[in-house]
Protein backbone atom coordinates (compact mmCIF):
# COMPACT_ATOMS: atom_id res chain seq x y z
CA UNK A 1 89.66 91.12 84.42
CA UNK A 2 90.61 89.11 86.85
CA UNK A 3 90.73 85.12 87.32
CA UNK A 4 91.27 83.10 90.29
CA UNK A 5 91.50 79.96 90.78
CA UNK A 6 92.20 77.54 94.06
CA UNK A 7 94.04 74.06 94.64
CA UNK A 8 95.14 71.76 97.35
CA UNK A 9 91.91 70.79 99.05
CA UNK A 10 90.92 67.34 99.84
CA UNK A 11 90.09 64.89 103.06
CA UNK A 12 92.62 64.84 106.19
CA UNK A 13 92.27 63.45 109.84
CA UNK A 14 91.39 65.40 112.64
CA UNK A 15 94.61 67.23 113.92
CA UNK A 16 95.90 66.93 110.21
CA UNK A 17 97.08 69.73 108.21
CA UNK A 18 96.44 70.80 104.87
CA UNK A 19 98.05 73.85 102.53
CA UNK A 20 95.06 75.37 99.62
CA UNK A 21 96.76 77.69 97.19
CA UNK A 22 95.61 80.56 95.36
CA UNK A 23 96.59 81.44 92.06
CA UNK A 24 95.30 84.91 90.37
CA UNK A 25 95.57 86.21 87.40
CA UNK A 26 95.09 89.96 85.47
CA UNK A 27 95.65 93.37 86.77
CA UNK A 28 96.52 92.86 90.26
CA UNK A 29 98.07 95.66 92.71
CA UNK A 30 100.09 94.65 95.81
CA UNK A 31 97.67 96.70 97.72
CA UNK A 32 94.49 94.46 96.68
CA UNK A 33 93.67 92.39 99.45
CA UNK A 34 94.07 88.59 98.79
CA UNK A 35 92.39 86.18 100.82
CA UNK A 36 90.16 82.54 101.86
CA UNK A 37 86.89 82.58 102.98
CA UNK A 38 84.80 79.53 103.72
CA UNK A 39 81.42 78.04 103.49
CA UNK A 40 80.18 75.18 105.51
CA UNK A 41 76.63 73.30 104.60
CA UNK A 42 73.62 75.82 105.42
CA UNK A 43 76.02 78.63 106.57
CA UNK A 44 77.00 81.65 105.16
CA UNK A 45 80.02 82.49 103.47
CA UNK A 46 82.63 83.62 106.26
CA UNK A 47 86.16 84.89 106.55
CA UNK A 48 89.06 82.84 107.30
CA UNK A 49 91.98 85.18 106.74
CA UNK A 50 93.32 87.93 104.38
CA UNK A 51 96.47 89.81 103.64
CA UNK A 52 96.54 92.96 102.38
CA UNK A 53 99.74 92.97 100.62
CA UNK A 54 102.24 94.92 102.58
CA UNK A 55 102.69 92.09 105.27
CA UNK A 56 99.28 92.86 107.21
CA UNK A 57 96.97 90.04 107.91
CA UNK A 58 93.83 89.27 109.38
CA UNK A 59 92.73 86.16 110.90
CA UNK A 60 89.45 85.17 112.14
CA UNK A 61 89.23 84.11 115.87
CA UNK A 62 88.51 80.33 114.95
CA UNK A 63 91.53 79.88 113.07
CA UNK A 64 94.42 82.01 115.13
CA UNK A 65 97.21 79.94 115.99
CA UNK A 66 96.26 77.15 113.44
CA UNK A 67 96.39 78.34 110.02
CA UNK A 68 98.57 80.58 108.58
CA UNK A 69 98.21 82.71 104.89
CA UNK A 70 101.09 83.53 102.47
CA UNK A 71 101.21 85.68 99.71
CA UNK A 72 103.41 86.09 97.20
CA UNK A 73 103.22 89.49 94.83
CA UNK A 74 105.65 88.67 92.32
CA UNK A 75 103.60 85.20 91.46
CA UNK A 76 99.93 86.46 92.60
CA UNK A 77 99.55 83.80 94.75
CA UNK A 78 98.23 83.64 98.20
CA UNK A 79 98.44 80.54 99.96
CA UNK A 80 96.32 78.89 103.26
CA UNK A 81 98.31 76.67 105.72
CA UNK A 82 95.98 74.76 107.94
CA UNK A 83 97.34 72.57 110.95
CA UNK A 84 95.38 70.92 113.71
CA UNK A 85 92.02 70.72 111.51
CA UNK A 86 89.00 69.65 113.20
CA UNK A 87 85.36 68.30 111.62
CA UNK A 88 84.24 72.01 112.23
CA UNK A 89 86.78 73.06 109.74
CA UNK A 90 84.79 70.81 106.79
CA UNK A 91 83.76 73.63 104.05
CA UNK A 92 84.58 74.88 100.68
CA UNK A 93 87.60 77.54 101.13
CA UNK A 94 87.21 80.53 98.62
CA UNK A 95 90.16 82.65 97.50
CA UNK A 96 89.19 85.87 97.17
CA UNK A 97 90.95 89.06 95.75
CA UNK A 98 89.01 92.74 96.70
CA UNK A 99 90.02 95.64 94.67
CA UNK A 100 89.50 99.48 94.82
CA UNK A 101 89.54 100.97 91.63
CA UNK A 102 88.18 104.51 90.93
CA UNK A 103 86.29 104.35 93.99
CA UNK A 104 84.48 101.01 93.36
CA UNK A 105 85.17 98.10 95.07
CA UNK A 106 85.33 94.91 93.06
CA UNK A 107 85.55 91.30 94.76
CA UNK A 108 86.88 88.10 92.12
CA UNK A 109 86.56 84.58 93.37
CA UNK A 110 87.18 81.53 92.58
CA UNK A 111 85.00 78.03 92.53
CA UNK A 112 86.40 77.09 95.81
CA UNK A 113 88.48 73.50 96.71
CA UNK A 114 86.53 71.11 98.99
CA UNK A 115 88.07 70.88 102.62
CA UNK A 116 86.75 67.56 104.38
CA UNK A 117 88.17 67.03 108.17
CA UNK A 118 86.81 63.39 108.82
CA UNK A 119 88.33 59.92 110.17
C-alpha cells in the first residue's frame, strides 16, 4: 500500500515563497507519476505540477515560471518550490502518486497541507 505525507505549508505574505515536501512510501516505481494538486474553498481540485520520473514535468498555466517541482526517486520524495505567491494561490495542497499496474490506474493522496497567502 502506498502512503503519502505532505509537509511545509503555512502562512506567507504575497510575493513570498514556500517549499512543500512530500514523502511517499510503499511500492513505487520510477515511472509512477508524482505530483501536486490544490483545492481552494468552493473549488474543484486542480493540477499544479507533475513529474513523470524521467525528468518530464507538467505545470498548470497559472504557475509556470513561479513554481518548480522536483523529485528524488531514491528517496521517494517530491517537492514543490513556490515563489511569487499571490492570494489566489491559497488552497490546500495535496501530493499525489498515480500508478498503473496491470492496466489498472490507482491514485494515492496525502491529507493535504494548507497554504495561505495573505498580508
